[in-house]
C-alpha atoms as a PDB file:
ATOM      1  CA  MET A   1      13.303  65.985  26.456  1.00  0.00           C
ATOM      2  CA  ASN A   2      10.845  62.818  27.539  1.00  0.00           C
ATOM      3  CA  LYS A   3      13.844  61.790  30.067  1.00  0.00           C
ATOM      4  CA  THR A   4      13.206  65.375  31.735  1.00  0.00           C
ATOM      5  CA  MET A   5       9.547  64.805  31.591  1.00  0.00           C
ATOM      6  CA  VAL A   6      10.145  61.632  33.419  1.00  0.00           C
ATOM      7  CA  ALA A   7      12.219  63.209  36.160  1.00  0.00           C
ATOM      8  CA  GLY A   8       9.527  65.961  36.791  1.00  0.00           C
ATOM      9  CA  GLU A   9       7.060  63.458  37.149  1.00  0.00           C
ATOM     10  CA  LYS A  10       8.633  61.239  39.633  1.00  0.00           C
ATOM     11  CA  LYS A  11       9.609  64.479  41.133  1.00  0.00           C
ATOM     12  CA  TYR A  12       5.987  65.603  41.840  1.00  0.00           C
ATOM     13  CA  LEU A  13       4.497  62.161  42.566  1.00  0.00           C
ATOM     14  CA  PRO A  14       5.050  62.139  46.311  1.00  0.00           C
ATOM     15  CA  VAL A  15       3.243  65.841  46.388  1.00  0.00           C
ATOM     16  CA  ILE A  16       0.574  64.409  44.254  1.00  0.00           C
ATOM     17  CA  LEU A  17      -0.015  60.999  46.841  1.00  0.00           C
ATOM     18  CA  HIS A  18       0.307  63.350  49.606  1.00  0.00           C
ATOM     19  CA  VAL A  19      -2.492  65.551  48.727  1.00  0.00           C
ATOM     20  CA  ALA A  20      -4.558  62.316  48.036  1.00  0.00           C
ATOM     21  CA  ALA A  21      -4.387  60.636  51.050  1.00  0.00           C
ATOM     22  CA  TRP A  22      -5.132  64.278  53.125  1.00  0.00           C
ATOM     23  CA  THR A  23      -8.188  64.639  50.643  1.00  0.00           C
ATOM     24  CA  ILE A  24      -9.325  61.572  51.897  1.00  0.00           C
ATOM     25  CA  PHE A  25      -9.385  62.480  55.413  1.00  0.00           C
ATOM     26  CA  ILE A  26     -11.344  65.870  54.041  1.00  0.00           C
ATOM     27  CA  ILE A  27     -13.982  64.275  52.434  1.00  0.00           C
ATOM     28  CA  LEU A  28     -14.440  60.948  54.580  1.00  0.00           C
ATOM     29  CA  PRO A  29     -17.309  62.114  56.845  1.00  0.00           C
ATOM     30  CA  LEU A  30     -19.133  63.866  53.901  1.00  0.00           C
ATOM     31  CA  TYR A  31     -19.288  60.638  52.024  1.00  0.00           C
ATOM     32  CA  LEU A  32     -20.336  58.415  55.250  1.00  0.00           C
ATOM     33  CA  GLY A  33     -22.826  60.929  56.078  1.00  0.00           C
ATOM     34  CA  TRP A  34     -21.756  62.353  59.287  1.00  0.00           C
ATOM     35  CA  VAL A  35     -23.329  65.673  58.212  1.00  0.00           C
ATOM     36  CA  THR A  36     -27.071  65.767  57.335  1.00  0.00           C
ATOM     37  CA  ASN A  37     -27.873  68.869  58.876  1.00  0.00           C
ATOM     38  CA  THR A  38     -26.720  72.691  59.786  1.00  0.00           C
ATOM     39  CA  ALA A  39     -25.996  71.619  63.467  1.00  0.00           C
ATOM     40  CA  ASP A  40     -23.627  68.497  62.359  1.00  0.00           C
ATOM     41  CA  ILE A  41     -21.176  71.476  61.303  1.00  0.00           C
ATOM     42  CA  THR A  42     -19.938  71.998  64.476  1.00  0.00           C
ATOM     43  CA  PHE A  43     -18.851  68.339  65.081  1.00  0.00           C
ATOM     44  CA  LEU A  44     -17.167  68.270  61.204  1.00  0.00           C
ATOM     45  CA  LYS A  45     -15.236  71.380  62.220  1.00  0.00           C
ATOM     46  CA  ARG A  46     -13.854  69.422  65.211  1.00  0.00           C
ATOM     47  CA  HIS A  47     -12.873  66.642  62.887  1.00  0.00           C
ATOM     48  CA  TYR A  48     -11.032  68.869  60.753  1.00  0.00           C
ATOM     49  CA  LEU A  49      -9.446  70.230  63.276  1.00  0.00           C
ATOM     50  CA  GLY A  50      -8.249  66.979  64.316  1.00  0.00           C
ATOM     51  CA  VAL A  51      -7.133  66.027  61.060  1.00  0.00           C
ATOM     52  CA  ALA A  52      -5.218  69.189  60.928  1.00  0.00           C
ATOM     53  CA  GLY A  53      -3.479  68.224  64.296  1.00  0.00           C
ATOM     54  CA  TYR A  54      -2.407  64.576  62.843  1.00  0.00           C
ATOM     55  CA  ALA A  55      -1.436  66.478  59.763  1.00  0.00           C
ATOM     56  CA  VAL A  56       1.052  68.716  61.939  1.00  0.00           C
ATOM     57  CA  LEU A  57       2.160  65.516  63.918  1.00  0.00           C
ATOM     58  CA  PHE A  58       2.862  63.631  60.578  1.00  0.00           C
ATOM     59  CA  TYR A  59       4.832  66.366  59.023  1.00  0.00           C
ATOM     60  CA  LEU A  60       7.296  67.219  61.708  1.00  0.00           C
ATOM     61  CA  SER A  61       8.099  63.349  62.367  1.00  0.00           C
ATOM     62  CA  TYR A  62       8.503  62.852  58.430  1.00  0.00           C
ATOM     63  CA  LEU A  63      10.270  66.172  57.774  1.00  0.00           C
ATOM     64  CA  TRP A  64      12.221  67.158  60.708  1.00  0.00           C
ATOM     65  CA  LEU A  65      12.061  64.688  64.038  1.00  0.00           C
ATOM     66  CA  THR A  66      13.170  61.090  61.796  1.00  0.00           C
ATOM     67  CA  GLU A  67      15.610  62.561  59.642  1.00  0.00           C
ATOM     68  CA  LYS A  68      17.297  64.492  62.862  1.00  0.00           C
ATOM     69  CA  TYR A  69      16.932  61.920  65.957  1.00  0.00           C
ATOM     70  CA  LEU A  70      15.852  58.547  65.141  1.00  0.00           C
ATOM     71  CA  PHE A  71      17.838  57.900  62.013  1.00  0.00           C
ATOM     72  CA  ARG A  72      21.048  59.174  63.863  1.00  0.00           C
ATOM     73  CA  GLY A  73      20.529  57.592  66.347  1.00  0.00           C
ATOM     74  CA  LYS A  74      19.266  59.304  69.392  1.00  0.00           C
ATOM     75  CA  TRP A  75      16.162  57.839  69.679  1.00  0.00           C
ATOM     76  CA  TYR A  76      15.495  58.984  73.524  1.00  0.00           C
ATOM     77  CA  LEU A  77      14.875  62.446  71.749  1.00  0.00           C
ATOM     78  CA  TYR A  78      12.678  61.161  69.269  1.00  0.00           C
ATOM     79  CA  VAL A  79      10.562  59.802  71.890  1.00  0.00           C
ATOM     80  CA  LEU A  80      10.830  62.701  73.863  1.00  0.00           C
ATOM     81  CA  PHE A  81       9.880  65.080  71.070  1.00  0.00           C
ATOM     82  CA  ILE A  82       6.909  62.595  69.851  1.00  0.00           C
ATOM     83  CA  VAL A  83       5.384  62.378  73.717  1.00  0.00           C
ATOM     84  CA  LEU A  84       5.151  66.360  74.236  1.00  0.00           C
ATOM     85  CA  LEU A  85       4.120  66.916  70.686  1.00  0.00           C
ATOM     86  CA  MET A  86       1.079  64.588  71.270  1.00  0.00           C
ATOM     87  CA  MET A  87       0.257  66.074  74.363  1.00  0.00           C
ATOM     88  CA  LEU A  88       0.420  69.627  73.480  1.00  0.00           C
ATOM     89  CA  LEU A  89      -1.491  68.467  70.205  1.00  0.00           C
ATOM     90  CA  PHE A  90      -4.154  66.484  72.037  1.00  0.00           C
ATOM     91  CA  PHE A  91      -4.714  69.786  74.098  1.00  0.00           C
ATOM     92  CA  ALA A  92      -4.891  71.907  71.268  1.00  0.00           C
ATOM     93  CA  THR A  93      -7.470  70.467  69.427  1.00  0.00           C
ATOM     94  CA  ASP A  94      -9.061  68.719  72.230  1.00  0.00           C
ATOM     95  CA  TYR A  95      -9.796  71.258  74.448  1.00  0.00           C
ATOM     96  CA  GLY A  96      -9.361  73.934  71.495  1.00  0.00           C
ATOM     97  CA  GLY A  97     -12.145  72.516  69.485  1.00  0.00           C
ATOM     98  CA  GLU A  98     -14.674  72.030  72.470  1.00  0.00           C
ATOM     99  CA  CYS A  99     -13.538  76.251  73.021  1.00  0.00           C
ATOM    100  CA  LEU A 100     -13.844  77.063  69.217  1.00  0.00           C
ATOM    101  CA  PHE A 101     -16.856  74.744  68.619  1.00  0.00           C
ATOM    102  CA  PRO A 102     -18.715  73.861  71.532  1.00  0.00           C
ATOM    103  CA  ARG A 103     -21.366  71.070  70.657  1.00  0.00           C
ATOM    104  CA  THR A 104     -24.635  71.584  69.725  1.00  0.00           C
ATOM    105  CA  GLN A 105     -27.730  70.882  71.654  1.00  0.00           C
ATOM    106  CA  LYS A 106     -28.394  68.999  69.012  1.00  0.00           C
ATOM    107  CA  GLU A 107     -25.367  66.713  69.709  1.00  0.00           C
ATOM    108  CA  LEU A 108     -25.877  66.181  73.657  1.00  0.00           C
ATOM    109  CA  GLU A 109     -29.064  64.857  72.974  1.00  0.00           C
ATOM    110  CA  PHE A 110     -28.004  62.230  70.241  1.00  0.00           C
ATOM    111  CA  HIS A 111     -25.209  61.207  72.739  1.00  0.00           C
ATOM    112  CA  LYS A 112     -27.699  61.033  75.547  1.00  0.00           C
ATOM    113  CA  ALA A 113     -29.774  58.849  73.720  1.00  0.00           C
ATOM    114  CA  PHE A 114     -26.951  56.837  72.247  1.00  0.00           C
ATOM    115  CA  GLU A 115     -25.755  55.957  75.694  1.00  0.00           C
ATOM    116  CA  GLU A 116     -29.483  55.107  77.025  1.00  0.00           C
ATOM    117  CA  PHE A 117     -29.216  52.575  73.651  1.00  0.00           C
ATOM    118  CA  MET A 118     -25.630  51.295  74.454  1.00  0.00           C
ATOM    119  CA  GLN A 119     -27.119  50.520  78.080  1.00  0.00           C
ATOM    120  CA  SER A 120     -30.024  49.244  77.347  1.00  0.00           C
ATOM    121  CA  GLN A 121     -28.538  46.502  75.345  1.00  0.00           C
ATOM    122  CA  GLY A 122     -26.041  45.554  78.687  1.00  0.00           C
ATOM    123  CA  ILE A 123     -23.477  47.374  77.298  1.00  0.00           C
ATOM    124  CA  PRO A 124     -21.661  49.651  80.120  1.00  0.00           C
ATOM    125  CA  LYS A 125     -21.281  53.531  79.730  1.00  0.00           C
ATOM    126  CA  ARG A 126     -18.001  54.512  78.800  1.00  0.00           C
ATOM    127  CA  PRO A 127     -16.072  57.494  80.332  1.00  0.00           C
ATOM    128  CA  ASP A 128     -15.917  60.229  77.473  1.00  0.00           C
ATOM    129  CA  TYR A 129     -12.521  61.774  77.756  1.00  0.00           C
ATOM    130  CA  PRO A 130     -10.824  58.639  78.633  1.00  0.00           C
ATOM    131  CA  PHE A 131     -11.878  57.247  75.498  1.00  0.00           C
ATOM    132  CA  ARG A 132     -10.870  60.388  73.842  1.00  0.00           C
ATOM    133  CA  VAL A 133      -7.500  59.866  74.903  1.00  0.00           C
ATOM    134  CA  VAL A 134      -6.951  56.200  74.233  1.00  0.00           C
ATOM    135  CA  ASN A 135      -8.485  57.299  70.718  1.00  0.00           C
ATOM    136  CA  TYR A 136      -6.577  59.921  69.810  1.00  0.00           C
ATOM    137  CA  PHE A 137      -3.096  58.240  71.442  1.00  0.00           C
ATOM    138  CA  PHE A 138      -3.716  55.300  68.853  1.00  0.00           C
ATOM    139  CA  THR A 139      -4.469  57.438  66.298  1.00  0.00           C
ATOM    140  CA  ALA A 140      -1.842  59.377  66.863  1.00  0.00           C
ATOM    141  CA  LEU A 141       0.852  56.622  67.056  1.00  0.00           C
ATOM    142  CA  PHE A 142      -0.693  55.205  63.363  1.00  0.00           C
ATOM    143  CA  PHE A 143       0.812  58.128  61.884  1.00  0.00           C
ATOM    144  CA  ILE A 144       4.104  58.665  63.519  1.00  0.00           C
ATOM    145  CA  GLY A 145       4.884  54.960  62.616  1.00  0.00           C
ATOM    146  CA  PHE A 146       3.289  55.606  59.133  1.00  0.00           C
ATOM    147  CA  SER A 147       5.453  58.701  59.156  1.00  0.00           C
ATOM    148  CA  ALA A 148       8.652  56.961  59.892  1.00  0.00           C
ATOM    149  CA  GLY A 149       7.884  54.137  57.684  1.00  0.00           C
ATOM    150  CA  LEU A 150       7.358  56.248  55.049  1.00  0.00           C
ATOM    151  CA  ARG A 151      10.644  58.344  55.320  1.00  0.00           C
ATOM    152  CA  LEU A 152      12.621  55.069  56.503  1.00  0.00           C
ATOM    153  CA  LEU A 153      11.281  53.732  52.445  1.00  0.00           C
ATOM    154  CA  GLU A 154      12.178  57.054  51.285  1.00  0.00           C
ATOM    155  CA  ARG A 155      15.816  56.653  51.998  1.00  0.00           C
ATOM    156  CA  TYR A 156      16.521  53.035  51.365  1.00  0.00           C
ATOM    157  CA  ARG A 157      15.140  54.261  48.026  1.00  0.00           C
ATOM    158  CA  THR A 158      17.380  56.901  48.236  1.00  0.00           C
ATOM    159  CA  ASN A 159      20.285  55.545  49.065  1.00  0.00           C
ATOM    160  CA  GLU A 160      19.761  52.298  46.805  1.00  0.00           C
ATOM    161  CA  ARG A 161      19.619  55.221  43.749  1.00  0.00           C
ATOM    162  CA  ILE A 162      23.020  56.512  45.145  1.00  0.00           C
ATOM    163  CA  ARG A 163      24.459  52.965  45.335  1.00  0.00           C
ATOM    164  CA  LYS A 164      23.506  52.121  41.562  1.00  0.00           C
ATOM    165  CA  GLU A 165      25.069  55.744  40.449  1.00  0.00           C
ATOM    166  CA  LEU A 166      28.303  54.856  42.044  1.00  0.00           C
ATOM    167  CA  GLU A 167      28.436  51.496  40.648  1.00  0.00           C
ATOM    168  CA  LYS A 168      27.583  52.839  37.374  1.00  0.00           C
ATOM    169  CA  ASP A 169      30.344  55.762  37.818  1.00  0.00           C
ATOM    170  CA  ARG A 170      32.706  52.618  38.775  1.00  0.00           C
ATOM    171  CA  LEU A 171      32.097  50.438  36.431  1.00  0.00           C
ATOM    172  CA  GLN A 172      32.131  53.297  33.747  1.00  0.00           C
ATOM    173  CA  SER A 173      35.734  54.206  35.065  1.00  0.00           C
ATOM    174  CA  GLU A 174      37.095  50.872  34.966  1.00  0.00           C
ATOM    175  CA  LEU A 175      35.726  50.530  31.067  1.00  0.00           C
ATOM    176  CA  VAL A 176      37.804  53.647  30.346  1.00  0.00           C
ATOM    177  CA  MET A 177      40.565  52.533  32.065  1.00  0.00           C
ATOM    178  CA  LEU A 178      40.315  49.144  30.274  1.00  0.00           C
ATOM    179  CA  LYS A 179      39.437  50.736  26.533  1.00  0.00           C
ATOM    180  CA  ASN A 180      42.936  53.012  27.504  1.00  0.00           C
ATOM    181  CA  GLN A 181      44.512  49.604  28.082  1.00  0.00           C
ATOM    182  CA  ILE A 182      43.276  48.187  24.729  1.00  0.00           C
ATOM    183  CA  SER A 183      45.152  51.227  22.421  1.00  0.00           C
ATOM    184  CA  PRO A 184      49.114  50.976  23.779  1.00  0.00           C
ATOM    185  CA  HIS A 185      48.938  47.399  23.843  1.00  0.00           C
ATOM    186  CA  PHE A 186      47.550  47.354  20.010  1.00  0.00           C
ATOM    187  CA  PHE A 187      49.936  49.857  19.146  1.00  0.00           C
ATOM    188  CA  PHE A 188      52.593  48.282  20.586  1.00  0.00           C
ATOM    189  CA  ASN A 189      52.103  44.806  18.852  1.00  0.00           C
ATOM    190  CA  THR A 190      51.096  46.755  15.542  1.00  0.00           C
ATOM    191  CA  MET A 191      54.906  48.219  15.569  1.00  0.00           C
ATOM    192  CA  ASN A 192      56.348  44.769  16.380  1.00  0.00           C
ATOM    193  CA  ASN A 193      54.904  43.871  13.057  1.00  0.00           C
ATOM    194  CA  ILE A 194      55.130  46.423  10.788  1.00  0.00           C
ATOM    195  CA  TYR A 195      59.354  46.464  12.521  1.00  0.00           C
ATOM    196  CA  SER A 196      59.409  42.625  11.419  1.00  0.00           C
ATOM    197  CA  LEU A 197      58.113  43.657   7.935  1.00  0.00           C
ATOM    198  CA  ILE A 198      60.979  46.793   7.533  1.00  0.00           C
ATOM    199  CA  GLU A 199      63.625  43.594   6.778  1.00  0.00           C
ATOM    200  CA  ILE A 200      61.402  41.885   4.243  1.00  0.00           C
ATOM    201  CA  ASP A 201      59.867  44.459   2.434  1.00  0.00           C
ATOM    202  CA  THR A 202      60.315  48.056   2.829  1.00  0.00           C
ATOM    203  CA  GLU A 203      57.591  48.983   0.522  1.00  0.00           C
ATOM    204  CA  ALA A 204      55.396  47.188   1.836  1.00  0.00           C
ATOM    205  CA  ALA A 205      56.712  48.504   5.424  1.00  0.00           C
ATOM    206  CA  ARG A 206      55.919  51.904   4.192  1.00  0.00           C
ATOM    207  CA  ASN A 207      52.614  51.038   3.183  1.00  0.00           C
ATOM    208  CA  ALA A 208      51.739  49.454   6.300  1.00  0.00           C
ATOM    209  CA  VAL A 209      52.588  52.934   8.258  1.00  0.00           C
ATOM    210  CA  HIS A 210      50.212  54.608   6.035  1.00  0.00           C
ATOM    211  CA  ARG A 211      47.874  52.342   7.027  1.00  0.00           C
ATOM    212  CA  LEU A 212      48.477  52.384  10.656  1.00  0.00           C
ATOM    213  CA  SER A 213      47.642  56.041  10.459  1.00  0.00           C
ATOM    214  CA  GLY A 214      44.258  55.378   9.511  1.00  0.00           C
ATOM    215  CA  LEU A 215      43.962  52.537  12.233  1.00  0.00           C
ATOM    216  CA  MET A 216      45.105  55.249  14.888  1.00  0.00           C
ATOM    217  CA  ARG A 217      42.977  58.164  13.617  1.00  0.00           C
ATOM    218  CA  TYR A 218      40.319  55.305  14.625  1.00  0.00           C
ATOM    219  CA  LEU A 219      41.652  54.485  17.803  1.00  0.00           C
ATOM    220  CA  LEU A 220      41.846  58.162  18.631  1.00  0.00           C
ATOM    221  CA  TYR A 221      38.744  59.495  17.830  1.00  0.00           C
ATOM    222  CA  GLU A 222      36.411  56.694  17.092  1.00  0.00           C
ATOM    223  CA  SER A 223      37.197  54.324  20.512  1.00  0.00           C
ATOM    224  CA  GLU A 224      36.695  57.063  22.916  1.00  0.00           C
ATOM    225  CA  GLN A 225      32.761  56.822  22.245  1.00  0.00           C
ATOM    226  CA  GLU A 226      30.586  54.159  24.739  1.00  0.00           C
ATOM    227  CA  ASP A 227      29.725  52.800  21.535  1.00  0.00           C
ATOM    228  CA  VAL A 228      30.401  52.402  17.671  1.00  0.00           C
ATOM    229  CA  THR A 229      28.483  51.242  14.992  1.00  0.00           C
ATOM    230  CA  LEU A 230      29.422  47.480  14.634  1.00  0.00           C
ATOM    231  CA  LYS A 231      30.295  48.409  10.927  1.00  0.00           C
ATOM    232  CA  LYS A 232      32.645  50.494  11.707  1.00  0.00           C
ATOM    233  CA  GLU A 233      33.982  47.986  14.052  1.00  0.00           C
ATOM    234  CA  VAL A 234      34.272  45.194  11.291  1.00  0.00           C
ATOM    235  CA  SER A 235      36.217  48.019   9.292  1.00  0.00           C
ATOM    236  CA  PHE A 236      38.462  48.641  11.566  1.00  0.00           C
ATOM    237  CA  MET A 237      38.759  44.726  12.040  1.00  0.00           C
ATOM    238  CA  ARG A 238      39.507  44.532   8.068  1.00  0.00           C
ATOM    239  CA  ASN A 239      41.995  46.963   8.280  1.00  0.00           C
ATOM    240  CA  TYR A 240      44.074  45.490  10.717  1.00  0.00           C
ATOM    241  CA  ILE A 241      44.274  41.874   8.967  1.00  0.00           C
ATOM    242  CA  ASP A 242      44.912  43.652   5.930  1.00  0.00           C
ATOM    243  CA  LEU A 243      47.615  45.011   7.475  1.00  0.00           C
ATOM    244  CA  MET A 244      49.100  41.842   9.451  1.00  0.00           C
ATOM    245  CA  LYS A 245      48.894  39.998   5.887  1.00  0.00           C
ATOM    246  CA  LEU A 246      51.648  42.125   4.530  1.00  0.00           C
ATOM    247  CA  ARG A 247      54.242  39.921   6.445  1.00  0.00           C
ATOM    248  CA  LEU A 248      52.439  36.372   6.054  1.00  0.00           C
ATOM    249  CA  SER A 249      54.325  33.777   4.255  1.00  0.00           C
ATOM    250  CA  LYS A 250      52.827  31.209   2.273  1.00  0.00           C
ATOM    251  CA  LYS A 251      52.478  28.585   5.196  1.00  0.00           C
ATOM    252  CA  VAL A 252      49.883  30.485   6.708  1.00  0.00           C
ATOM    253  CA  GLN A 253      46.554  29.464   5.692  1.00  0.00           C
ATOM    254  CA  LEU A 254      44.684  32.759   6.743  1.00  0.00           C
ATOM    255  CA  GLU A 255      40.382  32.498   6.726  1.00  0.00           C
ATOM    256  CA  ILE A 256      38.654  35.201   7.396  1.00  0.00           C
ATOM    257  CA  ASN A 257      34.669  35.706   6.970  1.00  0.00           C
ATOM    258  CA  LEU A 258      33.726  39.044   8.151  1.00  0.00           C
ATOM    259  CA  PRO A 259      30.042  40.140   6.428  1.00  0.00           C
ATOM    260  CA  GLU A 260      28.879  43.399   6.187  1.00  0.00           C
ATOM    261  CA  PRO A 261      26.729  44.205   9.535  1.00  0.00           C
ATOM    262  CA  ASP A 262      23.968  46.412   9.772  1.00  0.00           C
ATOM    263  CA  PRO A 263      25.213  49.896   9.553  1.00  0.00           C
ATOM    264  CA  ASP A 264      23.233  51.370  12.409  1.00  0.00           C
ATOM    265  CA  ARG A 265      23.845  48.606  14.819  1.00  0.00           C
ATOM    266  CA  PRO A 266      25.741  49.774  18.401  1.00  0.00           C
ATOM    267  CA  PHE A 267      28.800  47.667  19.612  1.00  0.00           C
ATOM    268  CA  PRO A 268      31.117  48.638  21.994  1.00  0.00           C
ATOM    269  CA  PRO A 269      34.666  49.719  20.303  1.00  0.00           C
ATOM    270  CA  LEU A 270      37.619  47.048  19.936  1.00  0.00           C
ATOM    271  CA  LEU A 271      36.312  44.512  21.779  1.00  0.00           C
ATOM    272  CA  PHE A 272      37.263  41.638  19.433  1.00  0.00           C
ATOM    273  CA  ILE A 273      40.217  43.284  18.732  1.00  0.00           C
ATOM    274  CA  PRO A 274      42.579  41.372  21.192  1.00  0.00           C
ATOM    275  CA  PHE A 275      41.418  37.989  19.766  1.00  0.00           C
ATOM    276  CA  ILE A 276      42.577  38.532  16.337  1.00  0.00           C
ATOM    277  CA  GLU A 277      45.746  39.795  17.996  1.00  0.00           C
ATOM    278  CA  ASN A 278      46.685  36.988  19.789  1.00  0.00           C
ATOM    279  CA  ALA A 279      45.961  34.806  16.859  1.00  0.00           C
ATOM    280  CA  PHE A 280      48.793  36.616  14.980  1.00  0.00           C
ATOM    281  CA  LYS A 281      50.578  36.743  17.389  1.00  0.00           C
ATOM    282  CA  HIS A 282      50.730  32.746  18.417  1.00  0.00           C
ATOM    283  CA  GLY A 283      49.452  31.337  15.346  1.00  0.00           C
ATOM    284  CA  VAL A 284      51.894  32.080  12.549  1.00  0.00           C
ATOM    285  CA  SER A 285      54.983  30.373  11.890  1.00  0.00           C
ATOM    286  CA  TYR A 286      57.421  30.843   8.962  1.00  0.00           C
ATOM    287  CA  GLN A 287      58.597  27.082   9.198  1.00  0.00           C
ATOM    288  CA  GLU A 288      55.785  25.260   8.901  1.00  0.00           C
ATOM    289  CA  ASN A 289      52.001  25.555   8.157  1.00  0.00           C
ATOM    290  CA  SER A 290      49.708  27.738  10.473  1.00  0.00           C
ATOM    291  CA  PHE A 291      46.038  28.994  10.174  1.00  0.00           C
ATOM    292  CA  ILE A 292      43.924  31.649  11.320  1.00  0.00           C
ATOM    293  CA  ARG A 293      40.425  31.403  11.225  1.00  0.00           C
ATOM    294  CA  ILE A 294      38.107  34.732  12.101  1.00  0.00           C
ATOM    295  CA  ASN A 295      34.296  34.561  11.401  1.00  0.00           C
ATOM    296  CA  LEU A 296      31.920  36.835  11.826  1.00  0.00           C
ATOM    297  CA  GLN A 297      27.838  35.987  12.685  1.00  0.00           C
ATOM    298  CA  VAL A 298      24.731  38.324  13.785  1.00  0.00           C
ATOM    299  CA  ILE A 299      21.958  36.031  14.625  1.00  0.00           C
ATOM    300  CA  GLY A 300      19.002  37.914  15.767  1.00  0.00           C
ATOM    301  CA  ASN A 301      20.032  40.045  18.571  1.00  0.00           C
ATOM    302  CA  LYS A 302      23.476  38.227  18.820  1.00  0.00           C
ATOM    303  CA  VAL A 303      26.607  38.846  17.684  1.00  0.00           C
ATOM    304  CA  VAL A 304      28.874  35.544  17.219  1.00  0.00           C
ATOM    305  CA  PHE A 305      32.760  36.097  16.814  1.00  0.00           C
ATOM    306  CA  LEU A 306      34.711  32.500  16.282  1.00  0.00           C
ATOM    307  CA  CYS A 307      38.582  33.301  15.875  1.00  0.00           C
ATOM    308  CA  GLU A 308      40.918  29.749  15.864  1.00  0.00           C
ATOM    309  CA  ASN A 309      44.686  29.722  15.333  1.00  0.00           C
ATOM    310  CA  SER A 310      47.313  27.024  15.544  1.00  0.00           C
ATOM    311  CA  ILE A 311      50.001  27.092  17.676  1.00  0.00           C
ATOM    312  CA  PRO A 312      53.173  26.527  16.002  1.00  0.00           C
ATOM    313  CA  GLY A 313      55.757  24.917  18.115  1.00  0.00           C
ATOM    314  CA  ARG A 314      53.397  23.783  20.724  1.00  0.00           C
ATOM    315  CA  GLN A 315      56.542  21.555  22.761  1.00  0.00           C
ATOM    316  CA  ASN A 316      58.430  24.807  23.451  1.00  0.00           C
ATOM    317  CA  THR A 317      55.471  27.174  24.215  1.00  0.00           C
ATOM    318  CA  ASP A 318      53.838  27.809  27.995  1.00  0.00           C
ATOM    319  CA  VAL A 319      50.373  27.526  27.126  1.00  0.00           C
ATOM    320  CA  SER A 320      49.449  30.087  30.102  1.00  0.00           C
ATOM    321  CA  ASP A 321      51.430  32.892  27.926  1.00  0.00           C
ATOM    322  CA  LEU A 322      49.014  32.680  25.680  1.00  0.00           C
ATOM    323  CA  ASN A 323      46.052  33.991  27.308  1.00  0.00           C
ATOM    324  CA  GLY A 324      47.582  37.666  27.555  1.00  0.00           C
ATOM    325  CA  ILE A 325      46.440  41.376  29.250  1.00  0.00           C
ATOM    326  CA  GLY A 326      44.262  41.928  25.937  1.00  0.00           C
ATOM    327  CA  LEU A 327      42.094  38.733  26.447  1.00  0.00           C
ATOM    328  CA  GLU A 328      41.494  39.534  29.985  1.00  0.00           C
ATOM    329  CA  ASN A 329      40.520  42.499  29.549  1.00  0.00           C
ATOM    330  CA  VAL A 330      38.095  41.342  27.045  1.00  0.00           C
ATOM    331  CA  ARG A 331      36.547  38.941  29.743  1.00  0.00           C
ATOM    332  CA  LYS A 332      36.464  42.014  32.107  1.00  0.00           C
ATOM    333  CA  ARG A 333      34.983  44.616  29.720  1.00  0.00           C
ATOM    334  CA  LEU A 334      31.775  41.535  28.693  1.00  0.00           C
ATOM    335  CA  GLN A 335      30.975  40.846  32.519  1.00  0.00           C
ATOM    336  CA  ILE A 336      30.851  44.868  32.864  1.00  0.00           C
ATOM    337  CA  LEU A 337      28.892  45.513  29.747  1.00  0.00           C
ATOM    338  CA  PHE A 338      26.619  42.418  29.261  1.00  0.00           C
ATOM    339  CA  PRO A 339      26.489  40.870  32.620  1.00  0.00           C
ATOM    340  CA  GLU A 340      24.850  37.706  32.402  1.00  0.00           C
ATOM    341  CA  ARG A 341      24.354  37.696  28.725  1.00  0.00           C
ATOM    342  CA  HIS A 342      27.589  36.542  26.969  1.00  0.00           C
ATOM    343  CA  ASN A 343      29.082  33.594  26.705  1.00  0.00           C
ATOM    344  CA  LEU A 344      33.286  33.496  26.410  1.00  0.00           C
ATOM    345  CA  SER A 345      34.665  30.027  25.689  1.00  0.00           C
ATOM    346  CA  ILE A 346      38.768  30.450  25.071  1.00  0.00           C
ATOM    347  CA  THR A 347      40.197  26.717  24.571  1.00  0.00           C
ATOM    348  CA  THR A 348      43.272  24.794  23.670  1.00  0.00           C
ATOM    349  CA  SER A 349      43.287  21.925  22.190  1.00  0.00           C
END
């Protein structure tokens, strides 16, 4: 509801600004005291006729000419139409104003007195008609330039909004693709572990399949959401670790610290699972001592996750093989979800 109201306010804001601007042009003569008696009403009518002409010029440029010709590179047609419109509107407002609202005797007397005063000050008499033409020309150019600049600004903002929406859609599609990569990768690693467990303990393998069904439900229904709660994600991590523990030997030292988090805190699903998968894949040995340490902390608005594991048989292991598609997947998701707001460190020592 709030979003709808904000969208509505933004939609009508330009209309409100336009109305406010033209209202200023209408009331400005009244505010400046141009009208002091009924004889000045005819001058005010000619002024408003001129304002109407500028408004027509502004909106023809703003709503039609700028978009149709200037932005499409047809500047010569734009200039041609603008010149024709300026000439037409000048004659319509200037001559129309003189015909519809002829100058009163008081106006003529005022102009005569003003010219005599200017000449007494050594200022030569200015030609009335050329002055009106020049004044109209520069005022019209102001409205035309303002309309083109305003339309250019609006076009830039529209293009920027579309660009951001397309970028958001692209990132959302990439996130969906990355999450979809996790599920089969997770399933593949888990089934390999259960297959290994079958040869050791059939009953344990049967229990593992049951646990796996619960994990798969999470993958199918919960992980499709943009966010889950951190509590659900931690619960999923615990269940996965419990499943992996079934096939560990006594030579593996396992240290797990996953505290109960805030039940309402949102969190991206399956973000830390690739690290845990990687630890169980590369950190477990049945011939020599090995370890896996998993620790999660919530500090203010930060979630700190630490996953460490030994690398048994390092001399026969290519370290570059330790960073599979899962960890690269996490790196990309973090860049999309938390740009410049995350710190990822993967080290081998």
